[in-house]
Amino acid sequence: MTAAEGFRAPTTADDRELEGRVAVVTGGASGMGLATTHALARRGATVLVLDPAAPGGTELASLLGVAAGRVRSAAVDVTDGDRLQRAFASLLEERSRLDILVNAAGVAPPTAFEDITADEWNRVLAVNVHGTFLCCRLALPAMRGRRWGRIVNFSSTAGKTVSTAGGAHYTTAKHGVLGLTRHLAKAYGPDGITVNSVCPGLIDTPMARSVLPGGALERAAGSFPVPRAGEPWEVAELVAFLASDRAAYITGAAVDINGGDLFA
């Protein structure tokens, strides 16, 4: 056999590559989560958005310009285990499958370390780490049953160094997400499930502008090798790739998307 004879053409990206897949996106009503909802739905997935601020599914689908019924929503906080369980159970009862989980929900208050209360510390870890744990635990049985699954967890450059604007609790949480990702990747790879993290840097989202107001975001991003803040859709395209068949041999990874702010 020649080298050419052993070649198999890769699957190429197209707008229907996730047709028939069922996805859950936490924090999917704003920022990078909203962009991810759009990216998955545009590729044919049916997406359930879990977000305390989520509008109705019909309104969300109209906002994103995707087919009615392609996007659904439930006003659920990822720290509320009982409501999460009901949301996942309802989806599985209706669709009988869950293929993709994107844990994008997060909070990043910029509180100085000496001013962080125990309640605030616990809340930041609850949303960023405990919520990710709960959703993974609820999603994995359905994925294992079909021997196919994609989990994409949102970490951050803060998970590899320290946060640009968030506090010590946010940095701690995002390091924790990377550890959970690696553990699950090793445990569930034999079941056909990949588990990866994306590590966005400074992305132009409402949350980023709330902690870096008045031009601070532009000033911070101006020093990067790519001298601008990232766009939510750029992160969403990375997530959609990791959620596809094309990324079947990528697992346990922490993929940087930061304009060169961090080389690691």
Protein backbone atom coordinates (compact mmCIF):
# COMPACT_ATOMS: atom_id res chain seq x y z
CA MET A 1 0.00 0.00 0.00
CA THR A 2 1.32 3.44 -0.91
CA ALA A 3 0.97 6.43 1.39
CA ALA A 4 -1.68 7.86 -0.93
CA GLU A 5 -3.72 4.64 -0.91
CA GLY A 6 -4.05 4.81 2.87
CA PHE A 7 -5.47 8.31 2.85
CA ARG A 8 -9.07 8.90 4.01
CA ALA A 9 -10.63 12.27 3.29
CA PRO A 10 -11.73 14.13 6.44
CA THR A 11 -15.29 15.17 7.06
CA THR A 12 -15.63 18.81 6.07
CA ALA A 13 -17.59 21.43 7.94
CA ASP A 14 -21.05 22.24 6.63
CA ASP A 15 -24.18 23.85 7.94
CA ARG A 16 -25.88 20.51 8.68
CA GLU A 17 -23.05 18.56 10.28
CA LEU A 18 -24.89 18.36 13.62
CA GLU A 19 -28.25 17.45 12.11
CA GLY A 20 -30.16 15.21 14.53
CA ARG A 21 -27.91 15.97 17.48
CA VAL A 22 -29.43 17.20 20.74
CA ALA A 23 -27.48 19.72 22.79
CA VAL A 24 -27.67 21.50 26.13
CA VAL A 25 -25.95 24.86 26.52
CA THR A 26 -25.79 26.40 29.98
CA GLY A 27 -25.49 30.17 30.10
CA GLY A 28 -26.73 30.07 26.53
CA ALA A 29 -28.73 33.30 26.55
CA SER A 30 -25.89 35.82 26.41
CA GLY A 31 -22.28 36.35 25.40
CA MET A 32 -20.28 33.31 24.33
CA GLY A 33 -23.08 30.97 25.40
CA LEU A 34 -25.55 32.69 23.09
CA ALA A 35 -23.09 32.58 20.22
CA THR A 36 -22.58 28.87 20.89
CA THR A 37 -26.34 28.27 20.86
CA HIS A 38 -26.45 29.91 17.43
CA ALA A 39 -23.46 27.97 16.09
CA LEU A 40 -24.90 24.60 17.13
CA ALA A 41 -28.44 25.35 15.94
CA ARG A 42 -27.18 26.66 12.59
CA ARG A 43 -25.45 23.32 12.07
CA GLY A 44 -28.68 21.42 12.65
CA ALA A 45 -28.64 20.59 16.37
CA THR A 46 -31.66 21.03 18.59
CA VAL A 47 -30.47 23.12 21.53
CA LEU A 48 -31.87 23.45 25.03
CA VAL A 49 -30.63 26.64 26.68
CA LEU A 50 -30.43 26.60 30.47
CA ASP A 51 -30.04 30.15 31.76
CA PRO A 52 -31.82 32.12 34.50
CA ALA A 53 -32.17 35.02 32.04
CA ALA A 54 -33.29 32.96 29.06
CA PRO A 55 -36.20 34.28 26.98
CA GLY A 56 -38.70 31.79 25.60
CA GLY A 57 -37.45 29.34 23.01
CA THR A 58 -39.48 30.88 20.19
CA GLU A 59 -38.16 34.34 21.00
CA LEU A 60 -34.61 33.03 21.21
CA ALA A 61 -34.88 31.20 17.88
CA SER A 62 -36.21 34.36 16.24
CA LEU A 63 -33.39 36.43 17.73
CA LEU A 64 -30.81 34.00 16.37
CA GLY A 65 -32.47 33.61 12.99
CA VAL A 66 -32.84 29.83 13.21
CA ALA A 67 -35.88 27.64 12.63
CA ALA A 68 -38.64 27.70 15.23
CA GLY A 69 -38.29 24.67 17.47
CA ARG A 70 -34.56 24.46 16.86
CA VAL A 71 -33.90 26.28 20.15
CA ARG A 72 -35.67 25.78 23.46
CA SER A 73 -35.03 27.35 26.81
CA ALA A 74 -35.59 26.96 30.52
CA ALA A 75 -34.90 29.55 33.21
CA VAL A 76 -32.61 27.35 35.31
CA ASP A 77 -29.68 28.29 37.52
CA VAL A 78 -26.95 25.66 37.19
CA THR A 79 -26.50 25.57 40.95
CA ASP A 80 -30.10 24.37 41.44
CA GLY A 81 -29.70 20.61 41.31
CA ASP A 82 -33.40 19.78 41.48
CA ARG A 83 -34.39 22.09 38.61
CA LEU A 84 -31.44 20.93 36.55
CA GLN A 85 -32.47 17.32 37.02
CA ARG A 86 -36.03 18.09 35.92
CA ALA A 87 -34.80 19.96 32.84
CA PHE A 88 -32.53 17.12 31.74
CA ALA A 89 -35.20 14.51 32.48
CA SER A 90 -37.78 16.40 30.43
CA LEU A 91 -35.40 16.71 27.49
CA LEU A 92 -34.50 13.03 27.58
CA GLU A 93 -38.14 12.01 27.86
CA GLU A 94 -38.97 14.03 24.76
CA ARG A 95 -35.87 13.42 22.65
CA SER A 96 -34.53 10.12 24.05
CA ARG A 97 -30.97 11.32 23.57
CA LEU A 98 -28.43 13.93 24.56
CA ASP A 99 -25.35 14.23 22.40
CA ILE A 100 -23.68 17.53 23.27
CA LEU A 101 -23.23 19.42 26.53
CA VAL A 102 -21.65 22.87 26.61
CA ASN A 103 -21.03 24.27 30.09
CA ALA A 104 -20.78 27.99 29.35
CA ALA A 105 -22.47 29.38 32.48
CA GLY A 106 -20.12 31.48 34.54
CA VAL A 107 -19.70 34.50 36.76
CA ALA A 108 -16.54 36.59 37.20
CA PRO A 109 -16.83 39.33 39.81
CA PRO A 110 -13.67 41.50 39.99
CA THR A 111 -13.62 41.67 43.80
CA ALA A 112 -10.21 42.13 45.40
CA PHE A 113 -9.12 39.09 47.41
CA GLU A 114 -9.31 40.80 50.80
CA ASP A 115 -12.89 41.86 50.06
CA ILE A 116 -14.24 38.48 48.95
CA THR A 117 -16.79 37.16 51.42
CA ALA A 118 -17.33 33.47 52.03
CA ASP A 119 -20.74 33.72 50.38
CA GLU A 120 -19.31 35.30 47.23
CA TRP A 121 -16.48 32.77 47.11
CA ASN A 122 -18.95 29.91 47.37
CA ARG A 123 -21.26 31.41 44.73
CA VAL A 124 -18.48 31.80 42.14
CA LEU A 125 -17.27 28.23 42.65
CA ALA A 126 -20.86 26.97 42.68
CA VAL A 127 -21.67 28.45 39.27
CA ASN A 128 -18.35 27.80 37.54
CA VAL A 129 -17.36 24.42 38.98
CA HIS A 130 -20.27 22.80 40.82
CA GLY A 131 -22.72 23.64 38.04
CA THR A 132 -20.37 22.07 35.50
CA PHE A 133 -20.09 18.96 37.67
CA LEU A 134 -23.87 18.66 38.05
CA CYS A 135 -24.54 19.00 34.32
CA CYS A 136 -21.83 16.50 33.39
CA ARG A 137 -23.23 14.00 35.88
CA LEU A 138 -26.71 14.38 34.38
CA ALA A 139 -25.56 14.18 30.76
CA LEU A 140 -23.11 11.29 30.88
CA PRO A 141 -25.55 8.36 31.31
CA ALA A 142 -27.41 9.28 28.11
CA MET A 143 -24.14 9.70 26.22
CA ARG A 144 -22.78 6.40 27.47
CA GLY A 145 -25.99 4.66 26.41
CA ARG A 146 -25.42 5.74 22.80
CA ARG A 147 -21.61 5.44 22.99
CA TRP A 148 -21.20 8.95 21.60
CA GLY A 149 -20.94 12.28 23.32
CA ARG A 150 -19.27 15.66 23.30
CA ILE A 151 -18.76 17.76 26.43
CA VAL A 152 -17.18 21.20 26.12
CA ASN A 153 -16.47 23.05 29.35
CA PHE A 154 -15.67 26.74 29.52
CA SER A 155 -12.47 27.46 31.37
CA SER A 156 -10.44 30.59 30.62
CA THR A 157 -6.92 31.93 30.34
CA ALA A 158 -7.51 32.34 34.08
CA GLY A 159 -7.41 28.54 34.29
CA LYS A 160 -3.79 28.58 33.11
CA THR A 161 -2.53 31.77 34.71
CA VAL A 162 -4.62 34.43 36.51
CA SER A 163 -7.66 36.37 35.43
CA THR A 164 -7.41 39.66 33.54
CA ALA A 165 -10.31 41.13 35.50
CA GLY A 166 -12.02 38.48 37.64
CA GLY A 167 -11.12 37.81 41.25
CA ALA A 168 -9.17 35.01 42.91
CA HIS A 169 -12.34 32.93 43.20
CA TYR A 170 -12.77 33.06 39.41
CA THR A 171 -9.15 32.04 38.81
CA THR A 172 -9.53 29.18 41.28
CA ALA A 173 -12.77 28.01 39.66
CA LYS A 174 -11.36 27.98 36.14
CA HIS A 175 -8.37 25.92 37.25
CA GLY A 176 -10.89 23.49 38.74
CA VAL A 177 -12.77 23.20 35.44
CA LEU A 178 -9.56 22.08 33.73
CA GLY A 179 -9.00 19.37 36.32
CA LEU A 180 -12.56 18.09 36.00
CA THR A 181 -12.24 18.08 32.21
CA ARG A 182 -9.08 15.98 32.24
CA HIS A 183 -10.53 13.49 34.70
CA LEU A 184 -13.73 12.97 32.71
CA ALA A 185 -11.83 12.71 29.43
CA LYS A 186 -9.75 9.86 30.80
CA ALA A 187 -12.70 8.10 32.40
CA TYR A 188 -15.17 8.24 29.51
CA GLY A 189 -13.03 8.13 26.38
CA PRO A 190 -13.61 4.37 26.06
CA ASP A 191 -17.36 5.11 25.88
CA GLY A 192 -16.99 7.26 22.77
CA ILE A 193 -17.25 10.51 24.73
CA THR A 194 -14.80 13.37 24.38
CA VAL A 195 -14.45 16.03 27.06
CA ASN A 196 -12.56 19.24 26.34
CA SER A 197 -12.23 22.76 27.65
CA VAL A 198 -12.04 26.02 25.77
CA CYS A 199 -9.93 28.74 27.35
CA PRO A 200 -11.07 32.12 26.05
CA GLY A 201 -9.03 35.20 26.74
CA LEU A 202 -10.51 38.67 26.61
CA ILE A 203 -13.75 38.35 24.65
CA ASP A 204 -16.10 41.26 23.95
CA THR A 205 -19.12 40.19 25.99
CA PRO A 206 -21.50 42.04 28.29
CA MET A 207 -19.81 40.39 31.27
CA ALA A 208 -16.34 41.51 30.14
CA ARG A 209 -17.53 45.07 29.59
CA SER A 210 -19.15 45.13 33.02
CA VAL A 211 -15.79 44.48 34.71
CA LEU A 212 -13.69 46.45 32.19
CA PRO A 213 -15.80 49.56 31.46
CA GLY A 214 -14.98 52.87 29.84
CA GLY A 215 -12.48 51.69 27.25
CA ALA A 216 -10.55 49.45 29.65
CA LEU A 217 -11.34 46.39 27.55
CA GLU A 218 -9.89 47.95 24.40
CA ARG A 219 -6.80 49.15 26.25
CA ALA A 220 -6.14 45.72 27.73
CA ALA A 221 -6.60 43.93 24.41
CA GLY A 222 -4.49 46.46 22.52
CA SER A 223 -1.28 44.89 23.82
CA PHE A 224 -2.04 41.39 22.45
CA PRO A 225 -0.29 39.99 19.38
CA VAL A 226 -3.72 40.15 17.73
CA PRO A 227 -4.49 43.60 19.16
CA ARG A 228 -8.20 43.40 19.84
CA ALA A 229 -10.73 41.60 22.00
CA GLY A 230 -12.15 38.39 20.62
CA GLU A 231 -15.69 38.08 19.33
CA PRO A 232 -18.15 35.61 20.90
CA TRP A 233 -18.77 33.95 17.53
CA GLU A 234 -15.08 33.11 17.24
CA VAL A 235 -15.25 31.11 20.46
CA ALA A 236 -18.53 29.53 19.34
CA GLU A 237 -16.93 28.25 16.14
CA LEU A 238 -14.26 26.51 18.21
CA VAL A 239 -16.91 24.95 20.44
CA ALA A 240 -18.91 23.75 17.43
CA PHE A 241 -15.81 22.09 16.02
CA LEU A 242 -15.12 20.30 19.31
CA ALA A 243 -18.75 19.15 19.35
CA SER A 244 -18.51 17.58 15.91
CA ASP A 245 -17.32 14.28 14.48
CA ARG A 246 -14.30 16.12 13.11
CA ALA A 247 -12.88 16.43 16.64
CA ALA A 248 -13.23 12.75 17.54
CA TYR A 249 -9.54 12.37 18.41
CA ILE A 250 -9.33 15.44 20.64
CA THR A 251 -10.07 14.89 24.30
CA GLY A 252 -8.76 16.22 27.59
CA ALA A 253 -7.55 19.34 25.79
CA ALA A 254 -7.60 22.92 27.05
CA VAL A 255 -7.79 24.90 23.84
CA ASP A 256 -6.61 28.51 23.95
CA ILE A 257 -8.43 31.24 22.03
CA ASN A 258 -6.96 34.53 23.18
CA GLY A 259 -5.31 36.47 20.37
CA GLY A 260 -1.89 35.38 21.60
CA ASP A 261 -2.29 36.82 25.09
CA LEU A 262 -1.02 33.54 26.53
CA PHE A 263 1.38 31.15 24.85
CA ALA A 264 1.16 27.80 26.60
